Amino acid sequence: MTSVPQNILVIGLGESGQAAALLAAAGGACVTAADSRPASAFSGTLDNLRAAGVAVETGAEVIPSGGFDLAVVSPGLSPRADLYRSLSESGIPVIGELEFGWSHIGAPTVAITGTNGKTTTTELITHMLSEAGQRTVAAGNIGLPASRVALGGAVPERLVLEVSSFQLETTTVFDPEISVLLNITPDHLDRHGSTAEYARIKARILSTRRTDAVAVVQSEALAYLRSLKVEIPRRLVTFSSGSRKADLYFEDGLVMGGSGDWKGPLLSLQQTRLRGGHNAENIMAAMAVGREFGLSLEQMVRSVKTYRPAEHRIEPAGEINGVIFVNDSKATNLDAMMRAIEAMSSMIAEEPNILLIAGGSGKGLEFHEAGPLLSRRVKAAFLIGESRESMKAAWSLFTSCNLAGDLEEAVMLAVEMAEIGDVVLLSPACASFDQFTGYAHRGDCFKAIVADLMNTTYGAPLLSRSTTDCGPRKTASKEHLA
């Protein structure tokens, strides 16, 4: 285990903060952990920290007193938060939990970031490497903190990290062997201020001191970074669903190789469980990584064909009397929603009439860009949450916009309008924290509502949603947001 400074302050006691505190304590450091939330918010989960010798302070408004050599911050802590500002004023060096945990693992690493597709690509790469017999762990923004991997002791042969912009804000020495940048579209402007600043933060994943470092980058994202004068010191491999000049590109439903011994068709998207050009890009990025790690084309194609996408990503949720229900709760920004709408035409034989359910916490985003697409493909929109009024203002010239008090009301309004061949699509273009604990909670509620409808429609007793608990949630943890 890498040596750690003697006195460490950990700020933020979500899952990643607790893992960082335990890791620091296991390395022999004197650790203090602080969080602005009251002790009642943790339901006794901090006892394991105290048992490990960590001093815990809840309800903290300023940093605790003490001569700290290092502060480890959780990704949910905004640089504008009082605790973070106190750190800056104190002069204590700051490192993010992801970088802290990664520095204690020592495994060859691929790190994946981008506005959309991070989790799917992380899972694809992990599946490919595992199927090829390489002992692989996926961690980071996907849900398992890097510090928790380091605490496990056994070093994986390959480490696959999903990395958010929130995590990249605090990186200083993070330097994976392979970095993947999937795309850049406006997101988290309430935290980062502008798309340009958001892009510069994403580009931190591409910095390196390694002579053999590789960057797998979407062509359009690369062009945008170059317009911002961002230098990329890594060897480049490009991919795109829209440009045939990339090393890997998508054409007529086929993933194509454009250079070297990867010339011509490599894989048909119809042979996989993934749909849409955005998923073709996720596959291309994963295949580029697999090639760098020594996998054969045959191994990768076989793995992509057997990969099952996770829940809440353009996930079929049921069909009632010829109306298809699709759960895309993971679409937490406008670009993801637009990609889902465009992908619908590949899910059924004819161009669908889409009944769109959208809305939530808007993260400072604008919604006007989607108007023309909605006018072509969306029959009506049913809007919920904090952003519903701004969405209606942006979209009402392009499609019928209907306000709903909650998700269940939105589904019922959509069902009343639906006809055979329509698609009821939950693709919110927003974060979920105004009404739910997270996108998974929102998606589970949608699926439970659809299941109730299916059982009612086909004569079975109405299912109870008590186990899903789809009531509003106003105090959700915002640790994994980006």
Protein backbone atom coordinates (compact mmCIF):
# COMPACT_ATOMS: atom_id res chain seq x y z
CA MET A 1 0.00 0.00 0.00
CA THR A 2 1.26 3.46 -0.87
CA SER A 3 2.39 5.50 2.13
CA VAL A 4 0.02 8.26 3.22
CA PRO A 5 0.53 11.56 5.03
CA GLN A 6 0.25 11.37 8.81
CA ASN A 7 -2.77 13.63 9.34
CA ILE A 8 -5.60 13.38 6.81
CA LEU A 9 -8.93 15.17 6.63
CA VAL A 10 -11.75 13.51 4.66
CA ILE A 11 -14.68 15.72 3.69
CA GLY A 12 -17.95 14.15 2.61
CA LEU A 13 -19.19 10.96 4.22
CA GLY A 14 -21.08 9.28 1.45
CA GLU A 15 -19.91 5.88 0.27
CA SER A 16 -16.71 7.17 -1.35
CA GLY A 17 -15.80 9.41 1.59
CA GLN A 18 -16.21 6.59 4.07
CA ALA A 19 -14.07 4.30 1.90
CA ALA A 20 -11.35 6.96 1.68
CA ALA A 21 -11.34 7.44 5.45
CA LEU A 22 -11.01 3.70 6.05
CA LEU A 23 -8.23 3.45 3.47
CA ALA A 24 -6.30 6.31 5.06
CA ALA A 25 -6.72 4.78 8.52
CA ALA A 26 -5.58 1.36 7.23
CA GLY A 27 -2.40 3.07 6.01
CA GLY A 28 -1.63 4.31 9.49
CA ALA A 29 -2.80 7.91 9.16
CA CYS A 30 -4.53 9.91 11.85
CA VAL A 31 -7.88 10.57 10.15
CA THR A 32 -10.64 13.09 10.76
CA ALA A 33 -13.80 12.81 8.67
CA ALA A 34 -16.30 15.67 8.38
CA ASP A 35 -19.68 16.21 6.73
CA SER A 36 -22.09 19.14 6.79
CA ARG A 37 -25.08 16.84 7.25
CA PRO A 38 -26.34 15.99 10.75
CA ALA A 39 -25.58 12.64 12.36
CA SER A 40 -29.21 11.59 11.86
CA ALA A 41 -28.63 11.51 8.09
CA PHE A 42 -26.32 8.50 8.35
CA SER A 43 -28.45 5.99 10.29
CA GLY A 44 -25.51 4.55 12.22
CA THR A 45 -23.35 3.90 9.15
CA LEU A 46 -20.46 5.90 10.65
CA ASP A 47 -19.83 3.38 13.44
CA ASN A 48 -17.37 1.47 11.25
CA LEU A 49 -15.30 4.64 10.90
CA ARG A 50 -15.15 5.20 14.63
CA ALA A 51 -14.22 1.54 15.13
CA ALA A 52 -11.27 2.09 12.77
CA GLY A 53 -10.08 5.06 14.84
CA VAL A 54 -11.46 7.79 12.60
CA ALA A 55 -12.60 10.97 14.35
CA VAL A 56 -16.03 11.85 12.91
CA GLU A 57 -17.58 15.33 12.85
CA THR A 58 -21.10 15.81 11.47
CA GLY A 59 -22.93 19.08 11.03
CA ALA A 60 -19.62 20.71 10.12
CA GLU A 61 -19.78 24.20 8.62
CA VAL A 62 -16.03 24.85 8.63
CA ILE A 63 -13.09 22.48 8.50
CA PRO A 64 -12.13 20.93 11.85
CA SER A 65 -9.10 22.29 13.63
CA GLY A 66 -5.85 20.36 13.30
CA GLY A 67 -2.63 20.38 11.34
CA PHE A 68 -3.76 18.40 8.33
CA ASP A 69 -1.24 17.31 5.70
CA LEU A 70 -3.88 16.38 3.11
CA ALA A 71 -7.62 16.69 2.50
CA VAL A 72 -9.52 14.01 0.56
CA VAL A 73 -12.81 15.31 -0.84
CA SER A 74 -15.83 13.44 -2.13
CA PRO A 75 -17.08 14.23 -5.67
CA GLY A 76 -20.39 15.61 -4.43
CA LEU A 77 -18.62 18.49 -2.65
CA SER A 78 -18.79 21.56 -4.87
CA PRO A 79 -15.80 23.90 -4.92
CA ARG A 80 -18.30 26.62 -4.02
CA ALA A 81 -19.36 24.87 -0.80
CA ASP A 82 -18.34 26.48 2.50
CA LEU A 83 -16.23 23.49 3.55
CA TYR A 84 -14.34 23.53 0.25
CA ARG A 85 -13.72 27.28 0.47
CA SER A 86 -12.37 26.77 3.99
CA LEU A 87 -9.89 24.27 2.56
CA SER A 88 -8.69 26.74 -0.06
CA GLU A 89 -8.20 29.43 2.57
CA SER A 90 -6.28 27.06 4.86
CA GLY A 91 -3.73 26.02 2.23
CA ILE A 92 -4.26 22.29 2.86
CA PRO A 93 -3.44 20.21 -0.27
CA VAL A 94 -6.61 18.67 -1.76
CA ILE A 95 -7.06 15.39 -3.60
CA GLY A 96 -10.25 13.69 -4.77
CA GLU A 97 -11.34 10.29 -3.50
CA LEU A 98 -10.98 8.70 -6.93
CA GLU A 99 -7.35 9.78 -7.29
CA PHE A 100 -6.59 8.87 -3.67
CA GLY A 101 -7.97 5.36 -4.10
CA TRP A 102 -6.42 4.86 -7.54
CA SER A 103 -2.96 5.78 -6.22
CA HIS A 104 -3.19 2.86 -3.77
CA ILE A 105 -4.16 0.18 -6.32
CA GLY A 106 -1.30 0.02 -8.82
CA ALA A 107 -3.11 -1.84 -11.63
CA PRO A 108 -3.02 -0.97 -15.35
CA THR A 109 -5.97 1.38 -15.71
CA VAL A 110 -8.42 2.52 -18.36
CA ALA A 111 -10.48 5.56 -17.39
CA ILE A 112 -13.70 6.51 -19.16
CA THR A 113 -15.42 9.87 -19.15
CA GLY A 114 -17.88 11.81 -21.32
CA THR A 115 -21.28 13.36 -20.95
CA ASN A 116 -23.16 10.20 -21.92
CA GLY A 117 -22.37 6.50 -22.27
CA LYS A 118 -19.82 6.23 -19.45
CA THR A 119 -21.50 3.38 -17.60
CA THR A 120 -22.32 1.33 -20.71
CA THR A 121 -18.76 1.68 -22.01
CA THR A 122 -17.28 0.86 -18.59
CA GLU A 123 -19.42 -2.26 -18.42
CA LEU A 124 -18.56 -3.26 -21.99
CA ILE A 125 -14.82 -2.96 -21.40
CA THR A 126 -15.05 -4.84 -18.11
CA HIS A 127 -17.10 -7.58 -19.77
CA MET A 128 -14.62 -7.88 -22.66
CA LEU A 129 -11.56 -8.10 -20.44
CA SER A 130 -13.20 -10.51 -18.00
CA GLU A 131 -14.42 -12.77 -20.80
CA ALA A 132 -10.84 -12.85 -22.09
CA GLY A 133 -9.66 -14.16 -18.71
CA GLN A 134 -8.18 -10.94 -17.36
CA ARG A 135 -9.06 -10.33 -13.70
CA THR A 136 -10.85 -6.98 -14.00
CA VAL A 137 -12.60 -4.62 -11.58
CA ALA A 138 -14.87 -1.72 -12.54
CA ALA A 139 -14.98 1.17 -10.08
CA GLY A 140 -15.33 4.93 -9.73
CA ASN A 141 -18.52 6.74 -10.67
CA ILE A 142 -20.14 3.42 -11.58
CA GLY A 143 -20.80 2.86 -7.88
CA LEU A 144 -17.77 1.14 -6.33
CA PRO A 145 -15.31 3.71 -4.92
CA ALA A 146 -11.69 3.27 -5.95
CA SER A 147 -10.74 3.44 -2.27
CA ARG A 148 -12.92 0.40 -1.64
CA VAL A 149 -11.00 -1.53 -4.31
CA ALA A 150 -7.72 -0.55 -2.64
CA LEU A 151 -9.05 -1.77 0.71
CA GLY A 152 -9.74 -5.17 -0.85
CA GLY A 153 -6.03 -5.93 -0.93
CA ALA A 154 -5.83 -8.10 -4.07
CA VAL A 155 -4.61 -6.02 -7.03
CA PRO A 156 -6.69 -6.63 -10.19
CA GLU A 157 -4.96 -7.28 -13.49
CA ARG A 158 -7.00 -4.47 -15.05
CA LEU A 159 -8.78 -1.54 -13.43
CA VAL A 160 -11.65 0.10 -15.32
CA LEU A 161 -12.72 3.47 -13.90
CA GLU A 162 -15.82 5.43 -14.81
CA VAL A 163 -14.90 9.06 -14.12
CA SER A 164 -17.22 12.05 -13.76
CA SER A 165 -16.45 15.71 -14.24
CA PHE A 166 -16.91 16.14 -10.49
CA GLN A 167 -14.12 13.63 -9.89
CA LEU A 168 -11.84 15.18 -12.50
CA GLU A 169 -12.10 18.63 -10.88
CA THR A 170 -9.66 17.56 -8.17
CA THR A 171 -7.19 15.40 -10.12
CA THR A 172 -3.51 16.33 -10.08
CA VAL A 173 -1.50 13.13 -10.70
CA PHE A 174 -4.20 10.81 -12.05
CA ASP A 175 -2.58 9.17 -15.09
CA PRO A 176 -4.23 6.02 -16.48
CA GLU A 177 -2.58 4.03 -19.23
CA ILE A 178 -5.65 4.44 -21.47
CA SER A 179 -8.09 7.35 -21.32
CA VAL A 180 -11.45 7.38 -23.09
CA LEU A 181 -13.43 10.54 -23.87
CA LEU A 182 -16.80 9.53 -25.30
CA ASN A 183 -18.44 12.88 -26.06
CA ILE A 184 -18.95 16.41 -24.78
CA THR A 185 -22.35 18.08 -24.65
CA PRO A 186 -23.64 20.68 -22.16
CA ASP A 187 -24.15 19.27 -18.67
CA HIS A 188 -23.73 20.29 -15.02
CA LEU A 189 -23.56 23.96 -15.93
CA ASP A 190 -24.90 24.79 -12.47
CA ARG A 191 -21.56 23.55 -11.13
CA HIS A 192 -19.08 24.23 -13.95
CA GLY A 193 -20.47 27.50 -15.29
CA SER A 194 -20.04 26.94 -19.03
CA THR A 195 -19.72 24.16 -21.58
CA ALA A 196 -16.14 25.26 -22.34
CA GLU A 197 -15.11 24.95 -18.69
CA TYR A 198 -16.92 21.62 -18.43
CA ALA A 199 -14.98 20.41 -21.50
CA ARG A 200 -11.64 21.55 -20.06
CA ILE A 201 -12.37 19.61 -16.88
CA LYS A 202 -13.26 16.51 -18.92
CA ALA A 203 -9.99 16.94 -20.86
CA ARG A 204 -7.99 16.46 -17.65
CA ILE A 205 -8.39 12.74 -18.19
CA LEU A 206 -6.16 13.08 -21.27
CA SER A 207 -3.16 14.71 -19.58
CA THR A 208 -0.20 12.40 -19.00
CA ARG A 209 3.44 12.02 -18.15
CA ARG A 210 3.60 8.56 -19.75
CA THR A 211 5.37 8.03 -23.05
CA ASP A 212 3.08 5.09 -23.96
CA ALA A 213 -0.26 6.64 -22.97
CA VAL A 214 -3.25 6.23 -25.30
CA ALA A 215 -6.33 8.41 -25.73
CA VAL A 216 -9.49 6.96 -27.28
CA VAL A 217 -11.52 10.02 -28.25
CA GLN A 218 -14.71 10.72 -30.19
CA SER A 219 -13.81 12.77 -33.28
CA GLU A 220 -16.35 15.49 -32.53
CA ALA A 221 -15.14 15.87 -28.94
CA LEU A 222 -11.56 16.04 -30.19
CA ALA A 223 -12.44 18.83 -32.61
CA TYR A 224 -14.15 20.79 -29.84
CA LEU A 225 -11.17 20.46 -27.50
CA ARG A 226 -8.83 21.61 -30.25
CA SER A 227 -11.04 24.66 -30.80
CA LEU A 228 -10.43 25.44 -27.11
CA LYS A 229 -6.65 25.05 -27.67
CA VAL A 230 -6.53 21.98 -25.39
CA GLU A 231 -3.39 19.94 -26.05
CA ILE A 232 -3.58 16.15 -25.96
CA PRO A 233 -0.18 14.57 -25.31
CA ARG A 234 -1.37 10.98 -25.75
CA ARG A 235 -1.35 8.79 -28.86
CA LEU A 236 -4.81 9.12 -30.37
CA VAL A 237 -7.34 6.55 -31.51
CA THR A 238 -10.54 8.16 -32.83
CA PHE A 239 -14.09 6.90 -33.29
CA SER A 240 -17.32 8.44 -34.54
CA SER A 241 -20.83 7.54 -35.64
CA GLY A 242 -20.84 10.59 -37.90
CA SER A 243 -17.42 10.79 -39.58
CA ARG A 244 -15.80 8.23 -41.85
CA LYS A 245 -12.41 9.83 -41.22
CA ALA A 246 -12.19 8.28 -37.74
CA ASP A 247 -10.16 5.16 -37.00
CA LEU A 248 -13.46 3.46 -36.14
CA TYR A 249 -16.77 4.63 -37.56
CA PHE A 250 -20.40 3.58 -37.97
CA GLU A 251 -22.09 3.14 -41.35
CA ASP A 252 -25.27 1.38 -42.44
CA GLY A 253 -25.63 -0.40 -39.10
CA LEU A 254 -22.02 -1.64 -39.14
CA VAL A 255 -19.05 -0.82 -36.94
CA MET A 256 -16.25 -0.21 -39.45
CA GLY A 257 -12.48 -0.15 -39.16
CA GLY A 258 -10.82 2.65 -41.08
CA SER A 259 -7.11 1.98 -40.67
CA GLY A 260 -4.40 -0.68 -40.44
CA ASP A 261 -5.49 -4.30 -40.21
CA TRP A 262 -8.93 -3.13 -39.05
CA LYS A 263 -10.28 -2.24 -42.47
CA GLY A 264 -13.91 -2.76 -43.35
CA PRO A 265 -16.84 -4.21 -41.36
CA LEU A 266 -16.07 -5.41 -37.83
CA LEU A 267 -19.50 -5.91 -36.27
CA SER A 268 -23.20 -5.44 -37.05
CA LEU A 269 -25.12 -3.57 -34.39
CA GLN A 270 -28.08 -5.88 -35.08
CA GLN A 271 -26.02 -8.73 -33.62
CA THR A 272 -25.99 -6.97 -30.23
CA ARG A 273 -28.54 -5.93 -27.62
CA LEU A 274 -27.61 -2.26 -28.11
CA ARG A 275 -29.30 0.19 -30.46
CA GLY A 276 -28.54 3.63 -31.86
CA GLY A 277 -25.47 5.46 -33.08
CA HIS A 278 -24.55 6.48 -29.55
CA ASN A 279 -24.29 2.83 -28.52
CA ALA A 280 -22.26 2.10 -31.65
CA GLU A 281 -19.80 4.72 -30.33
CA ASN A 282 -19.72 3.02 -26.94
CA ILE A 283 -18.89 -0.25 -28.68
CA MET A 284 -16.18 1.37 -30.81
CA ALA A 285 -14.55 2.92 -27.75
CA ALA A 286 -14.63 -0.40 -25.92
CA MET A 287 -13.13 -2.26 -28.88
CA ALA A 288 -10.34 0.29 -29.18
CA VAL A 289 -9.48 -0.28 -25.51
CA GLY A 290 -9.67 -4.05 -25.89
CA ARG A 291 -7.25 -3.90 -28.80
CA GLU A 292 -4.78 -1.86 -26.74
CA PHE A 293 -4.98 -4.49 -24.00
CA GLY A 294 -4.21 -7.28 -26.46
CA LEU A 295 -7.62 -8.78 -27.18
CA SER A 296 -8.31 -10.27 -30.58
CA LEU A 297 -11.14 -9.00 -32.76
CA GLU A 298 -12.88 -12.36 -32.39
CA GLN A 299 -12.76 -12.14 -28.59
CA MET A 300 -14.21 -8.64 -28.60
CA VAL A 301 -17.00 -9.35 -31.07
CA ARG A 302 -18.04 -12.39 -29.06
CA SER A 303 -18.12 -10.31 -25.86
CA VAL A 304 -20.12 -7.47 -27.39
CA LYS A 305 -22.70 -9.95 -28.65
CA THR A 306 -23.19 -11.42 -25.16
CA TYR A 307 -23.21 -8.10 -23.28
CA ARG A 308 -26.49 -7.26 -21.59
CA PRO A 309 -27.02 -3.53 -21.00
CA ALA A 310 -27.80 -2.37 -17.49
CA GLU A 311 -31.23 -1.21 -16.39
CA HIS A 312 -32.64 2.25 -17.12
CA ARG A 313 -30.87 2.71 -20.48
CA ILE A 314 -33.41 2.49 -23.30
CA GLU A 315 -34.80 -0.52 -21.46
CA PRO A 316 -38.07 -2.09 -22.67
CA ALA A 317 -40.49 -1.92 -19.74
CA GLY A 318 -43.53 -3.60 -21.24
CA GLU A 319 -46.21 -3.49 -23.93
CA ILE A 320 -49.93 -2.91 -23.50
CA ASN A 321 -52.37 -3.23 -26.39
CA GLY A 322 -49.71 -2.37 -28.97
CA VAL A 323 -48.19 0.51 -26.97
CA ILE A 324 -44.52 0.06 -26.05
CA PHE A 325 -43.11 1.45 -22.78
CA VAL A 326 -39.39 2.29 -22.59
CA ASN A 327 -37.41 3.20 -19.48
CA ASP A 328 -34.50 5.55 -20.19
CA SER A 329 -34.28 7.09 -16.72
CA LYS A 330 -30.48 7.25 -17.01
CA ALA A 331 -30.91 10.10 -19.54
CA THR A 332 -30.07 12.92 -17.13
CA ASN A 333 -29.23 15.58 -19.73
CA LEU A 334 -30.67 16.86 -23.00
CA ASP A 335 -28.21 15.08 -25.30
CA ALA A 336 -29.00 11.71 -23.74
CA MET A 337 -32.72 12.31 -24.21
CA MET A 338 -32.22 13.27 -27.86
CA ARG A 339 -30.14 10.14 -28.46
CA ALA A 340 -32.90 8.00 -26.97
CA ILE A 341 -35.53 9.61 -29.20
CA GLU A 342 -33.35 8.99 -32.27
CA ALA A 343 -32.77 5.38 -31.21
CA MET A 344 -36.49 4.60 -31.00
CA SER A 345 -36.77 4.12 -34.77
CA SER A 346 -34.40 1.14 -34.55
CA MET A 347 -36.43 -0.55 -31.80
CA ILE A 348 -39.58 -1.15 -33.86
CA ALA A 349 -40.28 -1.62 -37.55
CA GLU A 350 -41.71 1.81 -38.28
CA GLU A 351 -40.96 5.32 -37.11
CA PRO A 352 -42.66 5.48 -33.70
CA ASN A 353 -45.03 8.08 -32.39
CA ILE A 354 -43.30 8.97 -29.13
CA LEU A 355 -45.10 10.08 -25.99
CA LEU A 356 -42.22 11.59 -24.04
CA ILE A 357 -42.07 11.83 -20.25
CA ALA A 358 -39.37 14.31 -19.21
CA GLY A 359 -38.41 16.68 -16.44
CA GLY A 360 -36.72 16.80 -13.06
CA SER A 361 -33.83 18.85 -11.73
CA GLY A 362 -32.44 20.73 -14.73
CA LYS A 363 -28.85 21.42 -13.54
CA GLY A 364 -28.85 24.85 -15.18
CA LEU A 365 -29.35 23.44 -18.68
CA GLU A 366 -31.29 24.93 -21.58
CA PHE A 367 -33.77 22.79 -23.50
CA HIS A 368 -34.44 24.69 -26.75
CA GLU A 369 -32.03 22.62 -28.86
CA ALA A 370 -34.32 19.59 -28.78
CA GLY A 371 -37.30 21.44 -30.30
CA PRO A 372 -36.84 20.49 -33.97
CA LEU A 373 -36.28 16.81 -33.08
CA LEU A 374 -39.41 16.78 -30.94
CA SER A 375 -41.44 18.28 -33.77
CA ARG A 376 -40.47 15.34 -36.02
CA ARG A 377 -40.72 12.43 -33.61
CA VAL A 378 -42.62 13.33 -30.43
CA LYS A 379 -46.40 13.22 -30.48
CA ALA A 380 -46.70 14.84 -27.04
CA ALA A 381 -44.56 15.56 -23.99
CA PHE A 382 -45.62 15.04 -20.37
CA LEU A 383 -43.48 17.14 -18.06
CA ILE A 384 -42.72 16.72 -14.34
CA GLY A 385 -40.49 18.13 -11.66
CA GLU A 386 -38.67 21.41 -11.16
CA SER A 387 -37.89 21.91 -14.85
CA ARG A 388 -41.37 21.29 -16.25
CA GLU A 389 -42.24 24.97 -16.80
CA SER A 390 -38.94 25.76 -18.55
CA MET A 391 -39.33 22.66 -20.73
CA LYS A 392 -42.84 23.70 -21.68
CA ALA A 393 -41.60 27.19 -22.59
CA ALA A 394 -38.86 25.69 -24.79
CA TRP A 395 -40.92 22.98 -26.49
CA SER A 396 -44.54 24.12 -26.73
CA LEU A 397 -44.03 25.47 -30.27
CA PHE A 398 -42.79 22.04 -31.40
CA THR A 399 -45.08 19.55 -29.67
CA SER A 400 -48.00 19.35 -27.28
CA CYS A 401 -46.72 19.88 -23.73
CA ASN A 402 -48.70 18.66 -20.73
CA LEU A 403 -47.77 19.36 -17.11
CA ALA A 404 -48.08 16.56 -14.55
CA GLY A 405 -47.70 16.59 -10.79
CA ASP A 406 -45.64 13.41 -10.61
CA LEU A 407 -44.40 10.46 -12.65
CA GLU A 408 -47.52 8.34 -12.18
CA GLU A 409 -49.79 11.13 -13.40
CA ALA A 410 -47.51 11.65 -16.42
CA VAL A 411 -47.73 7.95 -17.32
CA MET A 412 -51.50 7.93 -16.99
CA LEU A 413 -51.86 11.04 -19.18
CA ALA A 414 -49.62 9.41 -21.80
CA VAL A 415 -51.64 6.19 -21.69
CA GLU A 416 -54.88 8.12 -22.26
CA MET A 417 -53.42 9.59 -25.46
CA ALA A 418 -51.57 6.48 -26.68
CA GLU A 419 -52.62 4.54 -29.76
CA ILE A 420 -51.39 1.27 -31.26
CA GLY A 421 -47.81 1.74 -32.45
CA ASP A 422 -46.98 4.53 -30.01
CA VAL A 423 -44.02 4.49 -27.61
CA VAL A 424 -44.26 5.89 -24.08
CA LEU A 425 -40.67 6.92 -23.40
CA LEU A 426 -39.34 7.99 -20.01
CA SER A 427 -36.23 9.97 -20.94
CA PRO A 428 -36.13 12.88 -18.49
CA ALA A 429 -33.16 15.01 -19.72
CA CYS A 430 -32.76 15.96 -16.05
CA ALA A 431 -31.36 14.73 -12.77
CA SER A 432 -33.85 13.02 -10.47
CA PHE A 433 -33.08 14.52 -7.10
CA ASP A 434 -36.09 16.82 -6.92
CA GLN A 435 -38.45 13.84 -6.53
CA PHE A 436 -36.38 10.63 -6.30
CA THR A 437 -33.25 9.25 -4.63
CA GLY A 438 -31.59 8.74 -8.02
CA TYR A 439 -32.18 7.76 -11.64
CA ALA A 440 -32.50 4.08 -10.66
CA HIS A 441 -35.28 4.90 -8.18
CA ARG A 442 -37.04 6.92 -10.87
CA GLY A 443 -36.70 4.11 -13.41
CA ASP A 444 -37.87 1.47 -10.94
CA CYS A 445 -40.95 3.55 -10.20
CA PHE A 446 -41.71 3.86 -13.92
CA LYS A 447 -41.41 0.11 -14.39
CA ALA A 448 -43.64 -0.55 -11.36
CA ILE A 449 -46.30 1.79 -12.74
CA VAL A 450 -46.17 0.00 -16.10
CA ALA A 451 -46.35 -3.39 -14.36
CA ASP A 452 -49.46 -2.25 -12.51
CA LEU A 453 -51.03 -1.18 -15.77
CA MET A 454 -50.16 -4.46 -17.48
CA ASN A 455 -51.70 -6.51 -14.68
CA THR A 456 -54.80 -4.33 -14.59
CA THR A 457 -55.18 -4.42 -18.37
CA TYR A 458 -54.90 -8.18 -18.57
CA GLY A 459 -57.29 -8.84 -15.68
CA ALA A 460 -54.85 -9.67 -12.89
CA PRO A 461 -55.02 -8.00 -9.45
CA LEU A 462 -53.31 -4.61 -9.19
CA LEU A 463 -49.73 -4.95 -7.97
CA SER A 464 -48.61 -3.10 -4.85
CA ARG A 465 -45.78 -0.59 -5.26
CA SER A 466 -45.00 -0.49 -1.53
CA THR A 467 -41.65 -2.20 -2.06
CA THR A 468 -40.66 0.28 -4.75
CA ASP A 469 -41.65 3.34 -2.65
CA CYS A 470 -42.18 5.83 -5.42
CA GLY A 471 -43.02 8.82 -3.27
CA PRO A 472 -41.06 12.09 -3.65
CA ARG A 473 -37.63 12.34 -2.10
CA LYS A 474 -36.41 15.80 -1.11
CA THR A 475 -33.21 14.90 0.81
CA ALA A 476 -31.36 12.65 -1.61
CA SER A 477 -27.61 12.22 -1.41
CA LYS A 478 -25.94 13.84 -4.41
CA GLU A 479 -22.64 12.01 -4.27
CA HIS A 480 -22.75 10.32 -7.68
CA LEU A 481 -24.16 12.93 -10.05
CA ALA A 482 -21.84 13.49 -13.01
